[in-house]
Amino acid sequence: MHAFIMNVLDWLSSLGYLGIALGLMLEIIPSEIVLGYGGYMISEGTIGFTGAVVAGTIGGTMAQLFLYWLGYLGGRPMLEKYGKYLLINKHHLELSEKWFDQYGPGVIFSARFIPVVRHAISIPAGIAGMSAIKFTLYTVAAMIPWTIFFLYLGIVLGENWSGIKDVARPYIIPLSIIALGAGAVYLLAARKKTKV
C-alpha cells in the first residue's frame, strides 16, 4: 500500500499544482496525505504556497461538488447502490443525513473538520436540494483553512511529511470543536432570524 501511495504521489508531484488539485478531486488517497506531500514540495521549493492553497481549495471543492450533484441528481437510491465505489457506506450516509437534518446547511462548513461525516455530508445537501451556490461557498470557506493547515504541517515536517496524520491528530479534535461551535452559532442565528 505504501508503494502504491508513493507512486501516486510521485505522479501527482510531476504535475505540480494540477497534481494537488487532482489528488484532492480523485481522493484516491486521503487529502491530508496529498496536502502534507504538497507542503513537503513547498519546503523543497518545487511549488509555491499560494498556488498550492488555490490548487488544494479547488480540488477539494470539486470533489465535494461531485458528491453534491450525485445526491441532487441521483438521490439516496443511487448512492445506496453505488456509494461503496466512492468509499461511502450506508452508515456514513445515514450519519451525514442526520447531521444535515439536525443542523441545516451551516453544517456543510463545520462537518468538513469532522472525521467520518466530512466526505459524506455533501450528499444529503444535494438530496435536500440545497442551493448549489450556497453549498459551494460553505465548502470553499472550509477548504481554505483545511488546505492551509495541512500544507503548513507538511512544510514544517519536511522530509518527515509521511507522519502528518499522527502530528495532525491532536489538532483535529480542537478544530472539530471550534467547527461545531461555529455550526451551533449559525443554527441559533438562523432560528432567531426565522422567528423574527
Protein backbone atom coordinates (compact mmCIF):
# COMPACT_ATOMS: atom_id res chain seq x y z
CA MET A 1 0.00 0.00 0.00
CA HIS A 2 2.85 2.38 0.86
CA ALA A 3 4.44 1.75 -2.54
CA PHE A 4 1.13 2.49 -4.27
CA ILE A 5 0.71 5.79 -2.36
CA MET A 6 4.27 6.83 -3.19
CA ASN A 7 3.77 6.02 -6.88
CA VAL A 8 0.58 8.10 -6.97
CA LEU A 9 2.27 10.98 -5.11
CA ASP A 10 5.27 10.88 -7.46
CA TRP A 11 2.92 11.10 -10.42
CA LEU A 12 0.90 13.92 -8.83
CA SER A 13 4.03 15.85 -7.88
CA SER A 14 5.22 15.72 -11.50
CA LEU A 15 2.05 17.70 -12.36
CA GLY A 16 2.77 20.43 -9.79
CA TYR A 17 -0.31 22.45 -8.77
CA LEU A 18 -2.54 20.41 -11.07
CA GLY A 19 -1.36 17.29 -9.23
CA ILE A 20 -2.52 18.68 -5.88
CA ALA A 21 -5.92 19.61 -7.35
CA LEU A 22 -6.29 16.18 -8.99
CA GLY A 23 -5.19 14.38 -5.83
CA LEU A 24 -7.95 16.06 -3.86
CA MET A 25 -10.52 15.70 -6.65
CA LEU A 26 -9.98 11.98 -7.13
CA GLU A 27 -9.49 11.24 -3.39
CA ILE A 28 -7.56 8.03 -4.19
CA ILE A 29 -5.52 8.73 -1.09
CA PRO A 30 -6.63 10.93 1.87
CA SER A 31 -6.48 14.70 1.39
CA GLU A 32 -4.26 15.05 4.48
CA ILE A 33 -1.55 12.98 2.81
CA VAL A 34 -1.81 14.80 -0.53
CA LEU A 35 -1.62 18.18 1.20
CA GLY A 36 1.17 17.01 3.51
CA TYR A 37 3.18 16.00 0.48
CA GLY A 38 2.27 19.33 -1.10
CA GLY A 39 3.75 21.04 1.97
CA TYR A 40 6.91 18.99 1.54
CA MET A 41 7.07 20.12 -2.11
CA ILE A 42 6.78 23.75 -0.94
CA SER A 43 9.63 23.21 1.55
CA GLU A 44 11.74 21.84 -1.32
CA GLY A 45 10.95 24.90 -3.47
CA THR A 46 9.17 22.84 -6.15
CA ILE A 47 5.92 24.83 -5.86
CA GLY A 48 4.75 27.99 -4.07
CA PHE A 49 2.50 28.23 -1.03
CA THR A 50 -0.22 30.46 -2.54
CA GLY A 51 -0.56 28.32 -5.68
CA ALA A 52 -0.77 25.17 -3.55
CA VAL A 53 -3.55 26.69 -1.39
CA VAL A 54 -5.51 27.66 -4.53
CA ALA A 55 -4.99 24.19 -6.09
CA GLY A 56 -5.97 22.40 -2.86
CA THR A 57 -9.08 24.53 -2.39
CA ILE A 58 -10.21 24.00 -5.98
CA GLY A 59 -9.53 20.24 -5.90
CA GLY A 60 -11.25 19.70 -2.55
CA THR A 61 -14.26 21.77 -3.59
CA MET A 62 -14.61 19.93 -6.91
CA ALA A 63 -14.62 16.56 -5.11
CA GLN A 64 -17.45 17.72 -2.86
CA LEU A 65 -19.41 19.23 -5.76
CA PHE A 66 -19.27 15.84 -7.47
CA LEU A 67 -20.89 14.22 -4.39
CA TYR A 68 -23.40 17.06 -4.12
CA TRP A 69 -24.54 16.57 -7.73
CA LEU A 70 -24.71 12.80 -7.24
CA GLY A 71 -27.11 13.39 -4.36
CA TYR A 72 -29.02 16.08 -6.24
CA LEU A 73 -29.48 14.11 -9.46
CA GLY A 74 -29.45 10.50 -8.26
CA GLY A 75 -30.89 10.71 -4.76
CA ARG A 76 -30.48 8.16 -1.99
CA PRO A 77 -31.24 5.01 -4.06
CA MET A 78 -28.31 5.67 -6.41
CA LEU A 79 -25.95 6.31 -3.50
CA GLU A 80 -27.03 3.20 -1.63
CA LYS A 81 -26.31 1.21 -4.78
CA TYR A 82 -23.05 2.84 -5.92
CA GLY A 83 -21.75 4.59 -2.77
CA LYS A 84 -19.39 1.71 -1.98
CA TYR A 85 -17.37 2.60 -5.08
CA LEU A 86 -16.86 6.07 -3.58
CA LEU A 87 -15.90 4.56 -0.19
CA ILE A 88 -19.17 5.83 1.30
CA ASN A 89 -21.17 3.17 3.13
CA LYS A 90 -24.76 3.25 4.39
CA HIS A 91 -23.67 4.22 7.92
CA HIS A 92 -21.78 7.29 6.60
CA LEU A 93 -24.80 8.28 4.55
CA GLU A 94 -27.26 7.89 7.45
CA LEU A 95 -25.00 9.79 9.85
CA SER A 96 -24.46 12.67 7.44
CA GLU A 97 -28.21 12.85 6.68
CA LYS A 98 -28.92 13.02 10.41
CA TRP A 99 -26.39 15.85 10.81
CA PHE A 100 -27.76 17.75 7.85
CA ASP A 101 -31.36 17.40 9.08
CA GLN A 102 -30.40 18.44 12.60
CA TYR A 103 -28.07 21.37 11.86
CA GLY A 104 -29.16 22.54 8.41
CA PRO A 105 -26.98 23.96 5.60
CA GLY A 106 -24.47 25.51 8.06
CA VAL A 107 -23.17 22.01 8.82
CA ILE A 108 -21.61 21.95 5.33
CA PHE A 109 -18.86 24.19 6.73
CA SER A 110 -18.40 22.66 10.17
CA ALA A 111 -18.60 18.98 9.11
CA ARG A 112 -15.54 19.39 6.87
CA PHE A 113 -13.38 19.19 10.01
CA ILE A 114 -15.03 16.09 11.47
CA PRO A 115 -13.90 12.56 10.52
CA VAL A 116 -16.48 10.13 9.03
CA VAL A 117 -19.05 12.87 8.31
CA ARG A 118 -16.57 15.00 6.35
CA HIS A 119 -16.82 13.22 3.00
CA ALA A 120 -20.46 12.17 3.06
CA ILE A 121 -22.07 15.45 4.17
CA SER A 122 -22.26 16.78 0.59
CA ILE A 123 -24.69 14.02 -0.40
CA PRO A 124 -27.67 14.97 1.82
CA ALA A 125 -27.12 18.60 0.80
CA GLY A 126 -27.69 17.52 -2.81
CA ILE A 127 -30.62 15.28 -1.93
CA ALA A 128 -32.25 18.15 0.01
CA GLY A 129 -31.81 20.45 -2.99
CA MET A 130 -29.62 22.96 -1.13
CA SER A 131 -28.62 25.93 -3.29
CA ALA A 132 -25.50 24.98 -5.29
CA ILE A 133 -24.09 28.48 -4.83
CA LYS A 134 -24.53 28.40 -1.05
CA PHE A 135 -23.12 24.86 -0.93
CA THR A 136 -20.04 25.92 -2.92
CA LEU A 137 -19.44 29.00 -0.73
CA TYR A 138 -19.60 26.96 2.51
CA THR A 139 -17.33 24.30 1.03
CA VAL A 140 -14.72 26.80 -0.18
CA ALA A 141 -14.83 28.55 3.22
CA ALA A 142 -13.98 25.24 4.91
CA MET A 143 -11.47 24.03 2.32
CA ILE A 144 -9.24 27.10 2.65
CA PRO A 145 -8.26 26.60 6.34
CA TRP A 146 -8.14 22.79 5.88
CA THR A 147 -5.72 23.19 2.95
CA ILE A 148 -3.55 25.80 4.70
CA PHE A 149 -3.35 23.70 7.87
CA PHE A 150 -2.08 20.52 6.19
CA LEU A 151 0.21 22.34 3.77
CA TYR A 152 1.75 24.15 6.75
CA LEU A 153 2.26 20.87 8.63
CA GLY A 154 3.87 19.38 5.51
CA ILE A 155 6.25 22.36 5.32
CA VAL A 156 7.18 22.03 9.00
CA LEU A 157 7.67 18.26 8.75
CA GLY A 158 9.69 18.47 5.52
CA GLU A 159 11.10 15.04 4.69
CA ASN A 160 9.08 13.55 7.56
CA TRP A 161 5.78 14.60 5.89
CA SER A 162 4.53 10.98 5.85
CA GLY A 163 3.88 11.20 9.61
CA ILE A 164 1.36 14.00 9.06
CA LYS A 165 -1.68 12.07 10.30
CA ASP A 166 -0.04 11.39 13.68
CA VAL A 167 1.10 15.01 14.01
CA ALA A 168 -2.31 16.37 12.97
CA ARG A 169 -4.39 14.13 15.25
CA PRO A 170 -4.09 16.32 18.41
CA TYR A 171 -5.26 19.36 16.40
CA ILE A 172 -8.25 17.68 14.73
CA ILE A 173 -10.33 17.43 17.94
CA PRO A 174 -9.98 21.16 18.83
CA LEU A 175 -10.70 22.04 15.17
CA SER A 176 -13.80 19.82 15.28
CA ILE A 177 -15.00 21.52 18.49
CA ILE A 178 -14.45 25.00 17.01
CA ALA A 179 -16.25 23.95 13.81
CA LEU A 180 -19.19 22.52 15.80
CA GLY A 181 -19.33 25.72 17.84
CA ALA A 182 -19.45 27.78 14.63
CA GLY A 183 -22.21 25.48 13.33
CA ALA A 184 -24.21 25.91 16.54
CA VAL A 185 -23.89 29.72 16.37
CA TYR A 186 -25.08 29.61 12.74
CA LEU A 187 -28.04 27.41 13.70
CA LEU A 188 -29.09 29.71 16.56
CA ALA A 189 -28.77 32.80 14.35
CA ALA A 190 -30.80 31.13 11.58
CA ARG A 191 -33.58 30.11 14.01
CA LYS A 192 -33.68 33.60 15.53
CA LYS A 193 -33.97 35.11 12.05
CA THR A 194 -36.84 32.73 11.19
CA LYS A 195 -38.78 33.73 14.33
CA VAL A 196 -38.49 37.46 13.58
